[in-house]
Amino acid sequence: MQISLEELQKVARAYRAQQTGTTPLEPVPAPFVACEEADKQLAREIAQLLTQTPNVREERTTEASREPLPAKIIAASIMRRVIADKMSQ
């Protein structure tokens, strides 16, 4: 199952609607913008961490479903749901 672009846009609109009208309790600093090289370095570090992370839950996800699904599909579904839930809070 994937979240469509339309569903994500609805969640984003709902999230923005919740954010309007709230006054910060203290001054909000300007957003930090890293240089492109720093962004690339961070992306490389994250990719390296992800490749080093062992996939120890694949057996459990296969056992849990009647029709075995690839762990990548399950992980992607979980991450999409977490992002959508965070945006809708």
N, C-alpha and C. Protein backbone atom coordinates (compact mmCIF):
# COMPACT_ATOMS: atom_id res chain seq x y z
N MET A 1 0.84 -1.18 0.00
CA MET A 1 0.00 0.00 0.00
C MET A 1 0.88 1.23 0.00
N GLN A 2 0.56 2.18 -0.84
CA GLN A 2 1.32 3.42 -0.90
C GLN A 2 0.37 4.59 -0.68
N ILE A 3 0.89 5.64 -0.12
CA ILE A 3 0.11 6.85 0.07
C ILE A 3 0.23 7.68 -1.20
N SER A 4 -0.90 8.06 -1.76
CA SER A 4 -0.88 8.81 -3.01
C SER A 4 -0.47 10.25 -2.75
N LEU A 5 -0.08 10.93 -3.81
CA LEU A 5 0.30 12.34 -3.71
C LEU A 5 -0.88 13.17 -3.19
N GLU A 6 -2.07 12.82 -3.63
CA GLU A 6 -3.27 13.55 -3.20
C GLU A 6 -3.48 13.40 -1.68
N GLU A 7 -3.29 12.19 -1.17
CA GLU A 7 -3.43 11.97 0.27
C GLU A 7 -2.38 12.75 1.05
N LEU A 8 -1.15 12.75 0.55
CA LEU A 8 -0.08 13.49 1.21
C LEU A 8 -0.37 14.98 1.20
N GLN A 9 -0.92 15.50 0.10
CA GLN A 9 -1.26 16.92 0.03
C GLN A 9 -2.37 17.26 1.03
N LYS A 10 -3.35 16.37 1.20
CA LYS A 10 -4.41 16.59 2.19
C LYS A 10 -3.83 16.66 3.59
N VAL A 11 -2.92 15.75 3.89
CA VAL A 11 -2.29 15.74 5.21
C VAL A 11 -1.48 17.01 5.41
N ALA A 12 -0.75 17.43 4.38
CA ALA A 12 0.06 18.65 4.49
C ALA A 12 -0.83 19.87 4.72
N ARG A 13 -1.96 19.95 4.02
CA ARG A 13 -2.89 21.07 4.22
C ARG A 13 -3.45 21.07 5.65
N ALA A 14 -3.80 19.89 6.14
CA ALA A 14 -4.33 19.79 7.50
C ALA A 14 -3.27 20.20 8.52
N TYR A 15 -2.04 19.78 8.28
CA TYR A 15 -0.94 20.14 9.18
C TYR A 15 -0.72 21.64 9.19
N ARG A 16 -0.71 22.26 7.99
CA ARG A 16 -0.52 23.71 7.91
C ARG A 16 -1.68 24.45 8.58
N ALA A 17 -2.89 23.93 8.44
CA ALA A 17 -4.05 24.58 9.06
C ALA A 17 -3.93 24.58 10.57
N GLN A 18 -3.37 23.52 11.13
CA GLN A 18 -3.17 23.47 12.58
C GLN A 18 -2.10 24.46 13.03
N GLN A 19 -1.13 24.72 12.17
CA GLN A 19 -0.01 25.56 12.53
C GLN A 19 -0.34 27.05 12.46
N THR A 20 -1.34 27.42 11.70
CA THR A 20 -1.67 28.84 11.57
C THR A 20 -2.34 29.33 12.84
N GLY A 21 -2.09 30.55 13.15
CA GLY A 21 -2.73 31.16 14.30
C GLY A 21 -2.03 30.92 15.62
N THR A 22 -1.01 30.13 15.65
CA THR A 22 -0.29 29.91 16.90
C THR A 22 0.89 30.86 16.96
N THR A 23 1.00 31.55 18.06
CA THR A 23 2.08 32.49 18.25
C THR A 23 3.20 31.80 19.02
N PRO A 24 4.44 31.89 18.50
CA PRO A 24 5.54 31.25 19.22
C PRO A 24 5.74 31.90 20.59
N LEU A 25 6.13 31.11 21.57
CA LEU A 25 6.35 31.62 22.91
C LEU A 25 7.66 32.39 23.02
N GLU A 26 8.56 32.15 22.10
CA GLU A 26 9.84 32.86 22.08
C GLU A 26 10.21 33.12 20.64
N PRO A 27 11.14 34.03 20.40
CA PRO A 27 11.52 34.33 19.01
C PRO A 27 12.01 33.07 18.29
N VAL A 28 11.60 32.93 17.06
CA VAL A 28 11.99 31.78 16.26
C VAL A 28 13.18 32.21 15.40
N PRO A 29 14.31 31.50 15.52
CA PRO A 29 15.47 31.88 14.71
C PRO A 29 15.25 31.54 13.24
N ALA A 30 16.00 32.22 12.41
CA ALA A 30 15.92 31.93 10.97
C ALA A 30 16.37 30.50 10.72
N PRO A 31 15.78 29.83 9.75
CA PRO A 31 16.16 28.44 9.49
C PRO A 31 17.62 28.34 9.07
N PHE A 32 18.26 27.26 9.52
CA PHE A 32 19.64 27.01 9.14
C PHE A 32 19.67 26.37 7.77
N VAL A 33 20.49 26.88 6.90
CA VAL A 33 20.62 26.32 5.57
C VAL A 33 22.07 25.87 5.41
N ALA A 34 22.25 24.58 5.30
CA ALA A 34 23.60 24.03 5.13
C ALA A 34 24.02 24.15 3.67
N CYS A 35 25.32 24.21 3.47
CA CYS A 35 25.81 24.27 2.10
C CYS A 35 25.57 22.92 1.42
N GLU A 36 25.61 22.93 0.12
CA GLU A 36 25.30 21.72 -0.64
C GLU A 36 26.26 20.59 -0.31
N GLU A 37 27.53 20.90 -0.11
CA GLU A 37 28.52 19.86 0.22
C GLU A 37 28.21 19.22 1.56
N ALA A 38 27.77 20.03 2.54
CA ALA A 38 27.40 19.48 3.85
C ALA A 38 26.20 18.56 3.72
N ASP A 39 25.23 18.94 2.87
CA ASP A 39 24.06 18.08 2.63
C ASP A 39 24.48 16.75 2.01
N LYS A 40 25.39 16.81 1.05
CA LYS A 40 25.86 15.59 0.39
C LYS A 40 26.60 14.69 1.39
N GLN A 41 27.42 15.31 2.24
CA GLN A 41 28.17 14.53 3.23
C GLN A 41 27.20 13.85 4.21
N LEU A 42 26.20 14.58 4.66
CA LEU A 42 25.21 14.00 5.57
C LEU A 42 24.47 12.85 4.90
N ALA A 43 24.10 13.02 3.63
CA ALA A 43 23.41 11.96 2.90
C ALA A 43 24.30 10.72 2.78
N ARG A 44 25.60 10.91 2.54
CA ARG A 44 26.52 9.77 2.47
C ARG A 44 26.61 9.06 3.81
N GLU A 45 26.68 9.83 4.91
CA GLU A 45 26.76 9.23 6.25
C GLU A 45 25.51 8.42 6.57
N ILE A 46 24.34 8.97 6.24
CA ILE A 46 23.08 8.27 6.49
C ILE A 46 23.02 7.00 5.66
N ALA A 47 23.42 7.08 4.39
CA ALA A 47 23.41 5.90 3.52
C ALA A 47 24.34 4.83 4.07
N GLN A 48 25.49 5.24 4.57
CA GLN A 48 26.44 4.28 5.12
C GLN A 48 25.86 3.61 6.37
N LEU A 49 25.22 4.40 7.24
CA LEU A 49 24.60 3.83 8.43
C LEU A 49 23.50 2.83 8.06
N LEU A 50 22.71 3.18 7.06
CA LEU A 50 21.62 2.29 6.66
C LEU A 50 22.14 0.99 6.07
N THR A 51 23.24 1.05 5.31
CA THR A 51 23.77 -0.18 4.74
C THR A 51 24.42 -1.06 5.81
N GLN A 52 24.87 -0.47 6.91
CA GLN A 52 25.49 -1.23 7.98
C GLN A 52 24.47 -1.80 8.97
N THR A 53 23.24 -1.32 8.92
CA THR A 53 22.21 -1.78 9.84
C THR A 53 21.75 -3.17 9.45
N PRO A 54 21.87 -4.13 10.35
CA PRO A 54 21.44 -5.49 10.00
C PRO A 54 19.92 -5.59 9.88
N ASN A 55 19.47 -6.44 9.00
CA ASN A 55 18.05 -6.66 8.79
C ASN A 55 17.63 -7.86 9.63
N VAL A 56 17.41 -7.63 10.92
CA VAL A 56 17.13 -8.74 11.83
C VAL A 56 15.64 -9.04 11.95
N ARG A 57 14.77 -8.22 11.38
CA ARG A 57 13.34 -8.40 11.57
C ARG A 57 12.67 -9.09 10.38
N GLU A 58 13.42 -9.42 9.36
CA GLU A 58 12.81 -10.00 8.16
C GLU A 58 12.09 -11.31 8.48
N GLU A 59 12.68 -12.14 9.35
CA GLU A 59 12.03 -13.40 9.70
C GLU A 59 10.69 -13.15 10.39
N ARG A 60 10.67 -12.16 11.28
CA ARG A 60 9.43 -11.90 12.02
C ARG A 60 8.34 -11.35 11.11
N THR A 61 8.71 -10.49 10.16
CA THR A 61 7.69 -9.95 9.26
C THR A 61 7.15 -11.03 8.35
N THR A 62 7.99 -11.96 7.94
CA THR A 62 7.54 -13.06 7.09
C THR A 62 6.62 -13.99 7.87
N GLU A 63 6.97 -14.26 9.13
CA GLU A 63 6.14 -15.13 9.96
C GLU A 63 4.79 -14.50 10.27
N ALA A 64 4.76 -13.19 10.41
CA ALA A 64 3.56 -12.49 10.85
C ALA A 64 2.48 -12.45 9.78
N SER A 65 2.84 -12.57 8.54
CA SER A 65 1.83 -12.46 7.49
C SER A 65 1.53 -13.83 6.89
N ARG A 66 0.31 -14.01 6.47
CA ARG A 66 -0.06 -15.27 5.83
C ARG A 66 0.54 -15.37 4.45
N GLU A 67 0.53 -14.25 3.76
CA GLU A 67 1.13 -14.19 2.44
C GLU A 67 2.42 -13.40 2.58
N PRO A 68 3.57 -14.03 2.52
CA PRO A 68 4.84 -13.34 2.78
C PRO A 68 5.03 -12.11 1.89
N LEU A 69 5.39 -11.01 2.52
CA LEU A 69 5.69 -9.77 1.81
C LEU A 69 7.16 -9.45 2.01
N PRO A 70 7.79 -8.83 1.03
CA PRO A 70 9.17 -8.43 1.21
C PRO A 70 9.28 -7.39 2.35
N ALA A 71 10.33 -7.51 3.11
CA ALA A 71 10.52 -6.60 4.25
C ALA A 71 10.60 -5.15 3.79
N LYS A 72 11.12 -4.91 2.59
CA LYS A 72 11.23 -3.53 2.08
C LYS A 72 9.85 -2.90 1.94
N ILE A 73 8.88 -3.67 1.48
CA ILE A 73 7.52 -3.15 1.30
C ILE A 73 6.90 -2.82 2.65
N ILE A 74 7.10 -3.70 3.60
CA ILE A 74 6.56 -3.48 4.95
C ILE A 74 7.21 -2.25 5.58
N ALA A 75 8.53 -2.14 5.48
CA ALA A 75 9.24 -1.00 6.06
C ALA A 75 8.80 0.31 5.41
N ALA A 76 8.64 0.31 4.10
CA ALA A 76 8.19 1.52 3.40
C ALA A 76 6.79 1.91 3.84
N SER A 77 5.91 0.94 4.02
CA SER A 77 4.55 1.22 4.48
C SER A 77 4.55 1.81 5.89
N ILE A 78 5.38 1.24 6.75
CA ILE A 78 5.47 1.76 8.12
C ILE A 78 5.96 3.20 8.12
N MET A 79 7.00 3.48 7.34
CA MET A 79 7.56 4.84 7.30
C MET A 79 6.55 5.83 6.73
N ARG A 80 5.83 5.45 5.67
CA ARG A 80 4.81 6.35 5.12
C ARG A 80 3.73 6.65 6.15
N ARG A 81 3.31 5.63 6.90
CA ARG A 81 2.27 5.81 7.90
C ARG A 81 2.77 6.72 9.02
N VAL A 82 4.02 6.53 9.46
CA VAL A 82 4.59 7.37 10.52
C VAL A 82 4.65 8.82 10.07
N ILE A 83 5.10 9.05 8.84
CA ILE A 83 5.18 10.43 8.32
C ILE A 83 3.79 11.05 8.23
N ALA A 84 2.82 10.30 7.72
CA ALA A 84 1.46 10.82 7.61
C ALA A 84 0.88 11.11 8.98
N ASP A 85 1.12 10.23 9.96
CA ASP A 85 0.62 10.46 11.31
C ASP A 85 1.25 11.70 11.93
N LYS A 86 2.55 11.88 11.74
CA LYS A 86 3.25 13.05 12.28
C LYS A 86 2.69 14.33 11.68
N MET A 87 2.44 14.30 10.37
CA MET A 87 1.96 15.51 9.69
C MET A 87 0.51 15.82 10.08
N SER A 88 -0.26 14.81 10.46
CA SER A 88 -1.66 15.06 10.77
C SER A 88 -1.88 15.42 12.24
N GLN A 89 -0.84 15.38 13.06
CA GLN A 89 -0.99 15.72 14.48
C GLN A 89 -1.05 17.20 14.68
